[in-house]
């Protein structure tokens, strides 16, 4: 749920969007560890978010998208090394 306070959008911290963000953060942290410092956390996080956005455009079920996005990002990042 998104509310407005003084003209600014404020998301419910317990809403579904917040849970997805936490899952994407966790996936990016794990992937950063797997890549053992060869790629910065910021680059990994961006790759995971981009993969999530790409997958979510056509997905009918979204429950496993964060982990699928992490796997997709890992393939792309490892190929670029």
Protein backbone atom coordinates (compact mmCIF):
# COMPACT_ATOMS: atom_id res chain seq x y z
CA UNK A 1 0.00 0.00 0.00
CA UNK A 2 1.26 3.48 -0.86
CA UNK A 3 0.19 6.52 1.13
CA UNK A 4 1.07 10.16 0.73
CA UNK A 5 2.53 12.33 3.46
CA UNK A 6 3.12 15.96 2.58
CA UNK A 7 3.04 15.07 -1.11
CA UNK A 8 5.60 12.26 -0.85
CA UNK A 9 4.81 8.63 -1.52
CA UNK A 10 5.35 6.43 1.53
CA UNK A 11 5.21 2.66 1.20
CA UNK A 12 3.89 0.43 3.93
CA UNK A 13 7.03 -1.25 5.34
CA UNK A 14 5.07 -4.48 5.75
CA UNK A 15 3.60 -4.42 2.24
CA UNK A 16 4.40 -6.87 -0.54
CA UNK A 17 6.76 -4.45 -2.29
CA UNK A 18 8.86 -4.16 0.87
CA UNK A 19 9.12 -7.96 1.16
CA UNK A 20 10.33 -8.22 -2.44
CA UNK A 21 12.96 -5.55 -1.77
CA UNK A 22 14.21 -7.52 1.24
CA UNK A 23 14.37 -10.70 -0.84
CA UNK A 24 16.27 -8.89 -3.60
CA UNK A 25 18.70 -7.48 -1.02
CA UNK A 26 19.28 -10.94 0.44
CA UNK A 27 19.77 -12.45 -3.03
CA UNK A 28 22.26 -9.72 -3.95
CA UNK A 29 24.20 -10.21 -0.70
CA UNK A 30 24.44 -13.97 -1.26
CA UNK A 31 25.48 -13.52 -4.88
CA UNK A 32 28.12 -10.96 -3.86
CA UNK A 33 29.56 -13.57 -1.46
CA UNK A 34 29.52 -16.23 -4.19
CA UNK A 35 31.41 -13.95 -6.54
CA UNK A 36 34.06 -13.50 -3.82
CA UNK A 37 34.71 -9.81 -4.32
CA UNK A 38 35.15 -9.99 -8.09
CA UNK A 39 32.09 -7.76 -8.54
CA UNK A 40 30.96 -4.94 -6.23
CA UNK A 41 27.76 -5.32 -4.24
CA UNK A 42 26.25 -2.30 -6.02
CA UNK A 43 26.78 -3.88 -9.45
CA UNK A 44 25.38 -7.19 -8.23
CA UNK A 45 22.33 -5.48 -6.71
CA UNK A 46 21.64 -3.60 -9.95
CA UNK A 47 21.98 -6.81 -11.97
CA UNK A 48 19.55 -8.63 -9.65
CA UNK A 49 16.99 -5.80 -9.83
CA UNK A 50 17.26 -5.59 -13.63
CA UNK A 51 16.78 -9.35 -13.92
CA UNK A 52 13.79 -9.19 -11.55
CA UNK A 53 12.17 -6.41 -13.58
CA UNK A 54 12.76 -8.29 -16.83
CA UNK A 55 11.29 -11.53 -15.46
CA UNK A 56 8.34 -9.89 -13.73
CA UNK A 57 7.08 -8.33 -16.96
CA UNK A 58 5.86 -11.71 -18.22
CA UNK A 59 5.53 -13.77 -15.03
CA UNK A 60 2.16 -15.07 -13.92
CA UNK A 61 3.52 -16.31 -10.58
CA UNK A 62 5.89 -14.02 -8.71
CA UNK A 63 6.75 -16.09 -5.64
CA UNK A 64 10.12 -17.34 -6.85
CA UNK A 65 11.17 -14.38 -8.97
CA UNK A 66 13.81 -13.02 -6.56
CA UNK A 67 15.78 -16.29 -6.61
CA UNK A 68 15.31 -16.69 -10.36
CA UNK A 69 16.50 -13.11 -10.81
CA UNK A 70 19.59 -13.86 -8.72
CA UNK A 71 20.39 -16.90 -10.85
CA UNK A 72 19.93 -14.93 -14.04
CA UNK A 73 22.12 -12.11 -12.72
CA UNK A 74 24.78 -14.61 -11.67
CA UNK A 75 24.92 -16.13 -15.16
CA UNK A 76 25.27 -12.69 -16.74
CA UNK A 77 27.90 -11.46 -14.28
CA UNK A 78 30.03 -14.62 -14.44
CA UNK A 79 29.92 -14.53 -18.24
CA UNK A 80 31.19 -10.95 -18.13
CA UNK A 81 34.19 -11.81 -15.91
